[in-house]
C-alpha atoms as a PDB file:
ATOM      1  CA  MET A   1     100.049 171.018  96.181  1.00  0.00           C
ATOM      2  CA  ALA A   2      97.327 171.822  98.700  1.00  0.00           C
ATOM      3  CA  ARG A   3      94.000 170.036  98.204  1.00  0.00           C
ATOM      4  CA  ALA A   4      90.468 170.544  99.470  1.00  0.00           C
ATOM      5  CA  TRP A   5      87.070 168.919  99.192  1.00  0.00           C
ATOM      6  CA  SER A   6      84.400 170.950  97.450  1.00  0.00           C
ATOM      7  CA  LEU A   7      80.692 170.420  96.927  1.00  0.00           C
ATOM      8  CA  LYS A   8      80.283 169.423  93.280  1.00  0.00           C
ATOM      9  CA  SER A   9      76.472 169.247  93.357  1.00  0.00           C
ATOM     10  CA  ARG A  10      73.728 169.677  95.942  1.00  0.00           C
ATOM     11  CA  PRO A  11      72.436 166.372  97.303  1.00  0.00           C
ATOM     12  CA  GLN A  12      68.829 165.301  97.152  1.00  0.00           C
ATOM     13  CA  GLY A  13      68.221 163.243 100.274  1.00  0.00           C
ATOM     14  CA  MET A  14      71.248 161.334 101.524  1.00  0.00           C
ATOM     15  CA  PRO A  15      74.487 162.677  99.982  1.00  0.00           C
ATOM     16  CA  THR A  16      76.666 160.382  97.883  1.00  0.00           C
ATOM     17  CA  MET A  17      80.307 160.521  96.823  1.00  0.00           C
ATOM     18  CA  ASP A  18      79.131 162.000  93.508  1.00  0.00           C
ATOM     19  CA  ASN A  19      78.272 165.224  95.367  1.00  0.00           C
ATOM     20  CA  PHE A  20      81.920 165.789  96.382  1.00  0.00           C
ATOM     21  CA  GLU A  21      85.075 166.631  94.454  1.00  0.00           C
ATOM     22  CA  LEU A  22      88.696 166.829  95.609  1.00  0.00           C
ATOM     23  CA  VAL A  23      90.289 169.904  94.036  1.00  0.00           C
ATOM     24  CA  ASP A  24      93.765 171.409  93.908  1.00  0.00           C
ATOM     25  CA  LEU A  25      94.150 174.740  95.663  1.00  0.00           C
ATOM     26  CA  GLY A  26      97.546 175.686  94.322  1.00  0.00           C
ATOM     27  CA  ARG A  27     100.014 177.517  96.517  1.00  0.00           C
ATOM     28  CA  ARG A  28     100.386 181.265  96.958  1.00  0.00           C
ATOM     29  CA  GLU A  29     102.664 183.510  98.944  1.00  0.00           C
ATOM     30  CA  LEU A  30     101.436 184.785 102.285  1.00  0.00           C
ATOM     31  CA  ALA A  31     100.253 188.357 102.638  1.00  0.00           C
ATOM     32  CA  ASP A  32     101.111 190.391 105.714  1.00  0.00           C
ATOM     33  CA  GLY A  33      99.121 189.167 108.718  1.00  0.00           C
ATOM     34  CA  GLU A  34      98.502 185.684 107.315  1.00  0.00           C
ATOM     35  CA  VAL A  35      99.587 182.220 108.432  1.00  0.00           C
ATOM     36  CA  ARG A  36      99.933 178.917 106.615  1.00  0.00           C
ATOM     37  CA  ILE A  37      98.668 175.908 108.566  1.00  0.00           C
ATOM     38  CA  ALA A  38      99.271 172.219 107.874  1.00  0.00           C
ATOM     39  CA  ASN A  39      96.064 170.606 109.084  1.00  0.00           C
ATOM     40  CA  SER A  40      96.411 167.561 111.318  1.00  0.00           C
ATOM     41  CA  TRP A  41      92.797 166.865 112.320  1.00  0.00           C
ATOM     42  CA  LEU A  42      89.477 167.680 110.631  1.00  0.00           C
ATOM     43  CA  SER A  43      85.990 167.603 112.106  1.00  0.00           C
ATOM     44  CA  VAL A  44      82.907 166.374 110.275  1.00  0.00           C
ATOM     45  CA  ASP A  45      79.565 167.100 111.928  1.00  0.00           C
ATOM     46  CA  PRO A  46      75.889 166.449 111.146  1.00  0.00           C
ATOM     47  CA  TYR A  47      75.036 170.169 110.873  1.00  0.00           C
ATOM     48  CA  MET A  48      77.163 170.290 107.698  1.00  0.00           C
ATOM     49  CA  ARG A  49      74.361 168.507 105.874  1.00  0.00           C
ATOM     50  CA  GLY A  50      72.229 171.638 106.137  1.00  0.00           C
ATOM     51  CA  ARG A  51      74.983 173.726 104.554  1.00  0.00           C
ATOM     52  CA  MET A  52      74.784 171.533 101.453  1.00  0.00           C
ATOM     53  CA  ASN A  53      71.318 172.907 100.688  1.00  0.00           C
ATOM     54  CA  ASP A  54      70.941 176.260  98.958  1.00  0.00           C
ATOM     55  CA  VAL A  55      68.586 177.667 101.568  1.00  0.00           C
ATOM     56  CA  LYS A  56      68.735 180.509 104.051  1.00  0.00           C
ATOM     57  CA  SER A  57      69.860 179.330 107.466  1.00  0.00           C
ATOM     58  CA  TYR A  58      71.888 180.400 110.498  1.00  0.00           C
ATOM     59  CA  THR A  59      75.078 179.616 108.569  1.00  0.00           C
ATOM     60  CA  PRO A  60      75.640 180.212 104.830  1.00  0.00           C
ATOM     61  CA  PRO A  61      75.407 177.257 102.435  1.00  0.00           C
ATOM     62  CA  PHE A  62      78.547 175.760 100.939  1.00  0.00           C
ATOM     63  CA  GLU A  63      79.313 177.272  97.543  1.00  0.00           C
ATOM     64  CA  LEU A  64      79.485 174.838  94.660  1.00  0.00           C
ATOM     65  CA  GLY A  65      83.033 174.316  93.447  1.00  0.00           C
ATOM     66  CA  LYS A  66      84.571 176.141  96.413  1.00  0.00           C
ATOM     67  CA  PRO A  67      86.456 174.552  99.340  1.00  0.00           C
ATOM     68  CA  MET A  68      84.132 173.463 102.133  1.00  0.00           C
ATOM     69  CA  GLN A  69      84.669 174.591 105.714  1.00  0.00           C
ATOM     70  CA  GLY A  70      84.708 172.916 109.086  1.00  0.00           C
ATOM     71  CA  GLY A  71      86.618 172.768 112.339  1.00  0.00           C
ATOM     72  CA  ALA A  72      90.292 171.860 112.099  1.00  0.00           C
ATOM     73  CA  ILE A  73      93.438 171.587 114.206  1.00  0.00           C
ATOM     74  CA  GLY A  74      96.852 172.153 112.656  1.00  0.00           C
ATOM     75  CA  ARG A  75     100.397 173.418 113.001  1.00  0.00           C
ATOM     76  CA  VAL A  76     101.622 176.785 111.736  1.00  0.00           C
ATOM     77  CA  VAL A  77     104.274 176.107 109.093  1.00  0.00           C
ATOM     78  CA  GLU A  78     104.748 179.680 107.883  1.00  0.00           C
ATOM     79  CA  SER A  79     103.777 182.996 109.442  1.00  0.00           C
ATOM     80  CA  ARG A  80     103.704 186.647 108.464  1.00  0.00           C
ATOM     81  CA  SER A  81     101.938 187.611 111.676  1.00  0.00           C
ATOM     82  CA  ASP A  82     103.400 188.500 115.033  1.00  0.00           C
ATOM     83  CA  ARG A  83     100.588 186.512 116.693  1.00  0.00           C
ATOM     84  CA  TYR A  84     101.916 183.096 115.692  1.00  0.00           C
ATOM     85  CA  ARG A  85     105.248 181.437 115.146  1.00  0.00           C
ATOM     86  CA  GLU A  86     106.147 178.365 113.133  1.00  0.00           C
ATOM     87  CA  GLY A  87     105.340 175.269 115.158  1.00  0.00           C
ATOM     88  CA  ASP A  88     102.363 176.727 117.034  1.00  0.00           C
ATOM     89  CA  MET A  89      99.350 174.391 117.269  1.00  0.00           C
ATOM     90  CA  VAL A  90      96.123 176.231 116.446  1.00  0.00           C
ATOM     91  CA  GLN A  91      92.451 175.710 115.709  1.00  0.00           C
ATOM     92  CA  HIS A  92      90.412 177.320 112.942  1.00  0.00           C
ATOM     93  CA  PHE A  93      87.451 176.785 110.636  1.00  0.00           C
ATOM     94  CA  ALA A  94      89.160 176.010 107.304  1.00  0.00           C
ATOM     95  CA  GLY A  95      88.762 172.255 107.392  1.00  0.00           C
ATOM     96  CA  TRP A  96      88.039 169.774 104.589  1.00  0.00           C
ATOM     97  CA  ARG A  97      91.574 170.490 103.289  1.00  0.00           C
ATOM     98  CA  ASP A  98      95.152 169.571 104.086  1.00  0.00           C
ATOM     99  CA  GLU A  99      96.513 173.123 104.183  1.00  0.00           C
ATOM    100  CA  ALA A 100      94.894 176.433 105.130  1.00  0.00           C
ATOM    101  CA  VAL A 101      96.041 179.997 104.512  1.00  0.00           C
ATOM    102  CA  LEU A 102      94.205 182.399 106.818  1.00  0.00           C
ATOM    103  CA  PRO A 103      94.417 185.845 108.377  1.00  0.00           C
ATOM    104  CA  ALA A 104      95.786 185.468 111.889  1.00  0.00           C
ATOM    105  CA  ASP A 105      92.579 186.860 113.402  1.00  0.00           C
ATOM    106  CA  GLN A 106      90.693 183.810 112.053  1.00  0.00           C
ATOM    107  CA  VAL A 107      92.950 181.450 114.000  1.00  0.00           C
ATOM    108  CA  GLN A 108      92.889 180.634 117.716  1.00  0.00           C
ATOM    109  CA  PRO A 109      95.565 179.085 119.941  1.00  0.00           C
ATOM    110  CA  LEU A 110      94.661 175.846 121.702  1.00  0.00           C
ATOM    111  CA  PRO A 111      93.512 176.275 125.321  1.00  0.00           C
ATOM    112  CA  GLN A 112      96.012 175.327 128.004  1.00  0.00           C
ATOM    113  CA  LEU A 113      94.576 171.944 128.977  1.00  0.00           C
ATOM    114  CA  ASP A 114      96.499 168.679 129.162  1.00  0.00           C
ATOM    115  CA  VAL A 115      94.696 166.761 126.415  1.00  0.00           C
ATOM    116  CA  ASP A 116      95.423 165.577 122.890  1.00  0.00           C
ATOM    117  CA  PRO A 117      94.976 168.388 120.328  1.00  0.00           C
ATOM    118  CA  GLN A 118      92.031 166.681 118.609  1.00  0.00           C
ATOM    119  CA  ALA A 119      90.028 166.877 121.842  1.00  0.00           C
ATOM    120  CA  PHE A 120      89.396 170.527 120.964  1.00  0.00           C
ATOM    121  CA  LEU A 121      87.322 169.374 117.990  1.00  0.00           C
ATOM    122  CA  GLY A 122      85.151 167.209 120.234  1.00  0.00           C
ATOM    123  CA  GLN A 123      84.531 167.166 123.952  1.00  0.00           C
ATOM    124  CA  LEU A 124      86.564 170.334 124.570  1.00  0.00           C
ATOM    125  CA  GLY A 125      85.441 172.062 121.389  1.00  0.00           C
ATOM    126  CA  MET A 126      82.190 172.869 119.624  1.00  0.00           C
ATOM    127  CA  PRO A 127      80.397 169.567 120.461  1.00  0.00           C
ATOM    128  CA  GLY A 128      81.349 169.853 124.129  1.00  0.00           C
ATOM    129  CA  MET A 129      80.262 173.474 124.265  1.00  0.00           C
ATOM    130  CA  THR A 130      76.970 172.474 122.656  1.00  0.00           C
ATOM    131  CA  ALA A 131      76.389 169.928 125.407  1.00  0.00           C
ATOM    132  CA  TYR A 132      77.451 172.302 128.182  1.00  0.00           C
ATOM    133  CA  PHE A 133      75.467 175.361 127.149  1.00  0.00           C
ATOM    134  CA  GLY A 134      72.476 173.325 126.021  1.00  0.00           C
ATOM    135  CA  LEU A 135      72.194 171.903 129.514  1.00  0.00           C
ATOM    136  CA  THR A 136      73.240 174.862 131.645  1.00  0.00           C
ATOM    137  CA  GLU A 137      71.851 177.820 129.670  1.00  0.00           C
ATOM    138  CA  VAL A 138      69.018 176.461 127.537  1.00  0.00           C
ATOM    139  CA  ALA A 139      67.616 173.690 129.735  1.00  0.00           C
ATOM    140  CA  GLY A 140      68.490 175.332 133.055  1.00  0.00           C
ATOM    141  CA  LEU A 141      69.754 172.039 134.460  1.00  0.00           C
ATOM    142  CA  LYS A 142      69.185 171.515 138.186  1.00  0.00           C
ATOM    143  CA  GLU A 143      70.557 168.914 140.560  1.00  0.00           C
ATOM    144  CA  GLY A 144      68.147 165.994 140.797  1.00  0.00           C
ATOM    145  CA  ASP A 145      66.679 166.448 137.304  1.00  0.00           C
ATOM    146  CA  THR A 146      65.958 163.375 135.215  1.00  0.00           C
ATOM    147  CA  VAL A 147      67.666 163.986 131.872  1.00  0.00           C
ATOM    148  CA  PHE A 148      66.967 162.105 128.638  1.00  0.00           C
ATOM    149  CA  VAL A 149      69.464 162.501 125.780  1.00  0.00           C
ATOM    150  CA  SER A 150      69.232 161.029 122.292  1.00  0.00           C
ATOM    151  CA  ALA A 151      72.323 160.011 120.291  1.00  0.00           C
ATOM    152  CA  ALA A 152      74.019 159.505 123.646  1.00  0.00           C
ATOM    153  CA  ALA A 153      76.994 157.720 122.062  1.00  0.00           C
ATOM    154  CA  GLY A 154      77.824 160.675 119.827  1.00  0.00           C
ATOM    155  CA  ALA A 155      80.209 163.546 120.483  1.00  0.00           C
ATOM    156  CA  VAL A 156      77.544 165.852 121.913  1.00  0.00           C
ATOM    157  CA  GLY A 157      75.356 163.234 123.575  1.00  0.00           C
ATOM    158  CA  SER A 158      78.177 161.463 125.404  1.00  0.00           C
ATOM    159  CA  THR A 159      79.283 164.788 126.857  1.00  0.00           C
ATOM    160  CA  VAL A 160      75.694 165.574 127.897  1.00  0.00           C
ATOM    161  CA  VAL A 161      75.636 162.314 129.861  1.00  0.00           C
ATOM    162  CA  GLN A 162      78.832 163.171 131.726  1.00  0.00           C
ATOM    163  CA  ILE A 163      78.006 166.801 132.468  1.00  0.00           C
ATOM    164  CA  ALA A 164      74.544 165.868 133.749  1.00  0.00           C
ATOM    165  CA  LYS A 165      76.034 163.201 136.026  1.00  0.00           C
ATOM    166  CA  ALA A 166      78.687 165.635 137.273  1.00  0.00           C
ATOM    167  CA  LYS A 167      75.838 167.974 138.220  1.00  0.00           C
ATOM    168  CA  GLY A 168      73.954 165.327 140.202  1.00  0.00           C
ATOM    169  CA  CYS A 169      71.259 164.296 137.741  1.00  0.00           C
ATOM    170  CA  HIS A 170      69.603 161.001 136.851  1.00  0.00           C
ATOM    171  CA  VAL A 171      70.499 160.320 133.205  1.00  0.00           C
ATOM    172  CA  ILE A 172      68.809 158.188 130.553  1.00  0.00           C
ATOM    173  CA  GLY A 173      70.537 157.834 127.199  1.00  0.00           C
ATOM    174  CA  SER A 174      69.511 156.392 123.863  1.00  0.00           C
ATOM    175  CA  ALA A 175      72.002 154.722 121.525  1.00  0.00           C
ATOM    176  CA  GLY A 176      71.972 152.185 118.710  1.00  0.00           C
ATOM    177  CA  GLY A 177      73.338 148.708 119.383  1.00  0.00           C
ATOM    178  CA  ALA A 178      74.660 146.797 122.375  1.00  0.00           C
ATOM    179  CA  ASP A 179      78.239 148.075 122.154  1.00  0.00           C
ATOM    180  CA  LYS A 180      77.229 151.725 122.087  1.00  0.00           C
ATOM    181  CA  CYS A 181      74.731 151.233 124.885  1.00  0.00           C
ATOM    182  CA  ALA A 182      77.406 149.564 127.019  1.00  0.00           C
ATOM    183  CA  TRP A 183      79.763 152.486 126.416  1.00  0.00           C
ATOM    184  CA  VAL A 184      77.103 155.039 127.384  1.00  0.00           C
ATOM    185  CA  GLN A 185      76.426 153.021 130.537  1.00  0.00           C
ATOM    186  CA  SER A 186      80.168 153.111 131.324  1.00  0.00           C
ATOM    187  CA  LEU A 187      80.029 156.912 131.170  1.00  0.00           C
ATOM    188  CA  GLY A 188      77.659 156.868 134.138  1.00  0.00           C
ATOM    189  CA  ALA A 189      74.211 156.805 132.534  1.00  0.00           C
ATOM    190  CA  ASP A 190      71.633 155.330 134.907  1.00  0.00           C
ATOM    191  CA  ALA A 191      69.729 153.681 132.053  1.00  0.00           C
ATOM    192  CA  VAL A 192      70.257 153.281 128.309  1.00  0.00           C
ATOM    193  CA  ILE A 193      67.677 152.573 125.604  1.00  0.00           C
ATOM    194  CA  ASP A 194      68.753 150.632 122.521  1.00  0.00           C
ATOM    195  CA  TYR A 195      66.646 152.271 119.834  1.00  0.00           C
ATOM    196  CA  LYS A 196      67.611 149.489 117.406  1.00  0.00           C
ATOM    197  CA  SER A 197      66.123 146.775 119.645  1.00  0.00           C
ATOM    198  CA  GLY A 198      62.722 146.846 117.944  1.00  0.00           C
ATOM    199  CA  THR A 199      60.907 148.259 120.978  1.00  0.00           C
ATOM    200  CA  PRO A 200      59.324 151.649 120.217  1.00  0.00           C
ATOM    201  CA  VAL A 201      61.297 154.440 121.884  1.00  0.00           C
ATOM    202  CA  VAL A 202      58.182 155.768 123.610  1.00  0.00           C
ATOM    203  CA  LYS A 203      57.613 152.392 125.280  1.00  0.00           C
ATOM    204  CA  ALA A 204      61.276 151.852 126.160  1.00  0.00           C
ATOM    205  CA  LEU A 205      61.535 155.307 127.702  1.00  0.00           C
ATOM    206  CA  GLY A 206      58.409 154.752 129.757  1.00  0.00           C
ATOM    207  CA  GLU A 207      59.925 151.600 131.232  1.00  0.00           C
ATOM    208  CA  VAL A 208      63.032 153.398 132.546  1.00  0.00           C
ATOM    209  CA  ALA A 209      61.534 156.815 133.302  1.00  0.00           C
ATOM    210  CA  ARG A 210      58.734 155.806 135.654  1.00  0.00           C
ATOM    211  CA  ASN A 211      58.614 159.306 137.135  1.00  0.00           C
ATOM    212  CA  GLY A 212      58.916 161.101 133.801  1.00  0.00           C
ATOM    213  CA  ILE A 213      61.710 163.351 132.527  1.00  0.00           C
ATOM    214  CA  ASP A 214      62.572 166.939 133.428  1.00  0.00           C
ATOM    215  CA  VAL A 215      65.070 167.679 130.662  1.00  0.00           C
ATOM    216  CA  TYR A 216      65.336 166.383 127.100  1.00  0.00           C
ATOM    217  CA  PHE A 217      68.474 167.074 125.056  1.00  0.00           C
ATOM    218  CA  ASP A 218      67.549 166.447 121.431  1.00  0.00           C
ATOM    219  CA  ASN A 219      70.100 165.447 118.803  1.00  0.00           C
ATOM    220  CA  VAL A 220      67.736 163.312 116.740  1.00  0.00           C
ATOM    221  CA  GLY A 221      64.148 164.566 116.498  1.00  0.00           C
ATOM    222  CA  GLY A 222      61.479 162.251 115.130  1.00  0.00           C
ATOM    223  CA  GLU A 223      60.521 159.286 117.313  1.00  0.00           C
ATOM    224  CA  HIS A 224      62.871 160.360 120.113  1.00  0.00           C
ATOM    225  CA  LEU A 225      61.363 163.826 120.372  1.00  0.00           C
ATOM    226  CA  ASP A 226      57.873 162.340 120.374  1.00  0.00           C
ATOM    227  CA  ALA A 227      58.811 159.907 123.157  1.00  0.00           C
ATOM    228  CA  ALA A 228      60.250 162.749 125.222  1.00  0.00           C
ATOM    229  CA  LEU A 229      56.986 164.676 124.826  1.00  0.00           C
ATOM    230  CA  ALA A 230      55.025 161.619 125.918  1.00  0.00           C
ATOM    231  CA  HIS A 231      56.976 161.350 129.186  1.00  0.00           C
ATOM    232  CA  ALA A 232      57.669 165.005 129.934  1.00  0.00           C
ATOM    233  CA  ASN A 233      56.940 166.215 133.438  1.00  0.00           C
ATOM    234  CA  VAL A 234      55.209 169.497 134.173  1.00  0.00           C
ATOM    235  CA  HIS A 235      57.570 172.373 133.321  1.00  0.00           C
ATOM    236  CA  ALA A 236      60.027 170.066 131.539  1.00  0.00           C
ATOM    237  CA  ARG A 237      62.686 171.839 129.471  1.00  0.00           C
ATOM    238  CA  PHE A 238      63.733 170.666 126.006  1.00  0.00           C
ATOM    239  CA  ALA A 239      67.039 171.826 124.484  1.00  0.00           C
ATOM    240  CA  ILE A 240      66.831 171.213 120.746  1.00  0.00           C
ATOM    241  CA  CYS A 241      70.341 170.876 119.359  1.00  0.00           C
ATOM    242  CA  GLY A 242      69.834 168.822 116.193  1.00  0.00           C
ATOM    243  CA  MET A 243      67.442 166.544 114.315  1.00  0.00           C
ATOM    244  CA  ILE A 244      69.617 164.122 112.391  1.00  0.00           C
ATOM    245  CA  ASP A 245      66.566 161.930 111.673  1.00  0.00           C
ATOM    246  CA  VAL A 246      65.186 164.527 109.274  1.00  0.00           C
ATOM    247  CA  TYR A 247      68.305 166.031 107.654  1.00  0.00           C
ATOM    248  CA  ASN A 248      68.115 163.741 104.626  1.00  0.00           C
ATOM    249  CA  SER A 249      64.331 163.372 104.469  1.00  0.00           C
ATOM    250  CA  ALA A 250      61.699 165.443 102.735  1.00  0.00           C
ATOM    251  CA  GLU A 251      58.950 163.775 104.769  1.00  0.00           C
ATOM    252  CA  PRO A 252      57.442 165.813 107.624  1.00  0.00           C
ATOM    253  CA  THR A 253      57.887 164.497 111.152  1.00  0.00           C
ATOM    254  CA  SER A 254      54.726 163.290 112.874  1.00  0.00           C
ATOM    255  CA  LEU A 255      54.544 164.105 116.591  1.00  0.00           C
ATOM    256  CA  ARG A 256      51.640 162.269 118.182  1.00  0.00           C
ATOM    257  CA  TYR A 257      52.289 163.750 121.640  1.00  0.00           C
ATOM    258  CA  LEU A 258      52.929 167.361 120.653  1.00  0.00           C
ATOM    259  CA  ALA A 259      49.802 168.590 122.468  1.00  0.00           C
ATOM    260  CA  ARG A 260      51.426 167.648 125.779  1.00  0.00           C
ATOM    261  CA  LEU A 261      53.442 170.840 125.409  1.00  0.00           C
ATOM    262  CA  ILE A 262      50.341 172.711 126.507  1.00  0.00           C
ATOM    263  CA  GLY A 263      49.070 170.837 129.538  1.00  0.00           C
ATOM    264  CA  ASN A 264      52.547 170.173 130.935  1.00  0.00           C
ATOM    265  CA  ARG A 265      53.796 173.682 130.125  1.00  0.00           C
ATOM    266  CA  VAL A 266      56.873 172.220 128.435  1.00  0.00           C
ATOM    267  CA  ARG A 267      59.458 174.763 127.304  1.00  0.00           C
ATOM    268  CA  MET A 268      61.131 173.771 124.030  1.00  0.00           C
ATOM    269  CA  GLN A 269      64.001 175.901 122.742  1.00  0.00           C
ATOM    270  CA  GLY A 270      66.260 175.472 119.751  1.00  0.00           C
ATOM    271  CA  PHE A 271      69.759 176.894 120.063  1.00  0.00           C
ATOM    272  CA  ILE A 272      73.041 177.433 118.253  1.00  0.00           C
ATOM    273  CA  VAL A 273      76.283 177.047 120.193  1.00  0.00           C
ATOM    274  CA  SER A 274      77.725 180.234 118.691  1.00  0.00           C
ATOM    275  CA  ASP A 275      75.188 182.182 120.773  1.00  0.00           C
ATOM    276  CA  TYR A 276      77.333 181.384 123.822  1.00  0.00           C
ATOM    277  CA  VAL A 277      80.920 181.884 122.651  1.00  0.00           C
ATOM    278  CA  GLY A 278      81.175 184.900 124.957  1.00  0.00           C
ATOM    279  CA  LYS A 279      80.873 182.488 127.886  1.00  0.00           C
ATOM    280  CA  ALA A 280      83.606 180.102 126.718  1.00  0.00           C
ATOM    281  CA  ALA A 281      85.648 180.805 129.850  1.00  0.00           C
ATOM    282  CA  ASP A 282      82.875 179.232 131.956  1.00  0.00           C
ATOM    283  CA  PHE A 283      82.986 176.137 129.756  1.00  0.00           C
ATOM    284  CA  TYR A 284      86.750 175.691 130.013  1.00  0.00           C
ATOM    285  CA  ARG A 285      86.700 176.360 133.754  1.00  0.00           C
ATOM    286  CA  ASP A 286      84.091 173.686 134.478  1.00  0.00           C
ATOM    287  CA  MET A 287      85.279 171.166 131.917  1.00  0.00           C
ATOM    288  CA  GLY A 288      88.880 171.601 133.039  1.00  0.00           C
ATOM    289  CA  GLY A 289      87.797 170.954 136.619  1.00  0.00           C
ATOM    290  CA  TRP A 290      85.859 167.803 135.740  1.00  0.00           C
ATOM    291  CA  LEU A 291      88.750 166.651 133.575  1.00  0.00           C
ATOM    292  CA  GLY A 292      91.120 167.045 136.512  1.00  0.00           C
ATOM    293  CA  GLU A 293      88.718 165.114 138.752  1.00  0.00           C
ATOM    294  CA  GLY A 294      88.571 162.225 136.298  1.00  0.00           C
ATOM    295  CA  LYS A 295      84.873 162.764 135.566  1.00  0.00           C
ATOM    296  CA  LEU A 296      85.236 163.036 131.785  1.00  0.00           C
ATOM    297  CA  GLN A 297      85.895 160.311 129.243  1.00  0.00           C
ATOM    298  CA  ARG A 298      85.913 160.586 125.492  1.00  0.00           C
ATOM    299  CA  GLN A 299      86.092 158.288 122.497  1.00  0.00           C
ATOM    300  CA  GLU A 300      86.898 159.033 118.877  1.00  0.00           C
ATOM    301  CA  THR A 301      86.174 157.360 115.563  1.00  0.00           C
ATOM    302  CA  VAL A 302      88.998 158.194 113.158  1.00  0.00           C
ATOM    303  CA  PHE A 303      89.177 157.983 109.364  1.00  0.00           C
ATOM    304  CA  ASP A 304      92.732 158.329 108.051  1.00  0.00           C
ATOM    305  CA  GLY A 305      93.584 160.568 105.113  1.00  0.00           C
ATOM    306  CA  LEU A 306      92.025 163.636 103.521  1.00  0.00           C
ATOM    307  CA  GLU A 307      90.584 161.335 100.863  1.00  0.00           C
ATOM    308  CA  ARG A 308      88.342 159.720 103.495  1.00  0.00           C
ATOM    309  CA  ALA A 309      86.630 162.927 104.660  1.00  0.00           C
ATOM    310  CA  PRO A 310      83.367 162.347 102.717  1.00  0.00           C
ATOM    311  CA  ASP A 311      83.288 158.727 103.924  1.00  0.00           C
ATOM    312  CA  ALA A 312      83.608 159.920 107.525  1.00  0.00           C
ATOM    313  CA  PHE A 313      80.850 162.470 107.012  1.00  0.00           C
ATOM    314  CA  LEU A 314      78.445 159.994 105.421  1.00  0.00           C
ATOM    315  CA  ALA A 315      79.084 157.473 108.207  1.00  0.00           C
ATOM    316  CA  LEU A 316      77.550 159.929 110.683  1.00  0.00           C
ATOM    317  CA  PHE A 317      74.124 159.185 109.209  1.00  0.00           C
ATOM    318  CA  SER A 318      74.384 155.408 109.549  1.00  0.00           C
ATOM    319  CA  GLY A 319      75.608 155.338 113.143  1.00  0.00           C
ATOM    320  CA  GLY A 320      79.203 154.767 112.091  1.00  0.00           C
ATOM    321  CA  ASN A 321      80.720 156.712 114.961  1.00  0.00           C
ATOM    322  CA  THR A 322      81.123 156.260 118.678  1.00  0.00           C
ATOM    323  CA  GLY A 323      82.079 159.572 120.219  1.00  0.00           C
ATOM    324  CA  LYS A 324      83.563 162.235 117.963  1.00  0.00           C
ATOM    325  CA  MET A 325      84.002 161.547 114.251  1.00  0.00           C
ATOM    326  CA  LEU A 326      87.397 162.802 113.058  1.00  0.00           C
ATOM    327  CA  VAL A 327      89.605 162.750 109.997  1.00  0.00           C
ATOM    328  CA  ARG A 328      93.337 162.460 110.590  1.00  0.00           C
ATOM    329  CA  VAL A 329      95.127 164.153 107.689  1.00  0.00           C
END
């Protein structure tokens, strides 16, 4: 019997296990053009918190009582499509479940790169693309830039560090705790701020960015965004990817240094990675090259079992992951 997690109720503030329900999906015969996939790996990501609210956004909200969606990697176990055969490893967007039945045109083969399949949910998937296009397209990264990235020990942030170093930049990361900071440093970051140290981020950043910053890659918002504004150089570029600090809060964010946008002519742009899917070949070309040169490292935090998917998701908001958060089915 196939099973899936559904949203039982819409959370107010931080979600709890009471908001989720594991439901039976039953089993039906395939229609022509469909495939049945046994999921092996599921992705949980901070943006999913926004889909739990019944509000208009760039992606539709989860429907109450219906299976949730997310990135997944699995093996085709039955096919009525000439696109895929039994045994093919594929990626798709019907996660949060152990089995998916989908039209073949909603399934993609894994790229031909010599990595573990789950890498295509992290550094070589949506988080990696977010890092790559946020830097290259949104921030217009240039060699010699000083780059500041928040949540630098996460799936997106850790890839930002490595891409920026591969492109000849000076990189400052922010992470929570000594172990995470040490890992970010091992990725090549020139300096790392421990935002849990008790020193205000704006002060800590000023101590390591004596000449200011040219690029800020924002995964956090709040205090980190304000610190980046405080130390932004003239014509600095901010790529706003996420604001995990405010996803579970109804309180408005106070930005003391927002007015610096004007005098320093800072360009701040929010973006969605799906805007750049037409340029995926550029991503795989460059990432494949850096992978072959040994310039990319990745780390994963794995929760085992479909039953643990909500636990893995909730751990994202307490710093429970280093690198990509995954569920192994």
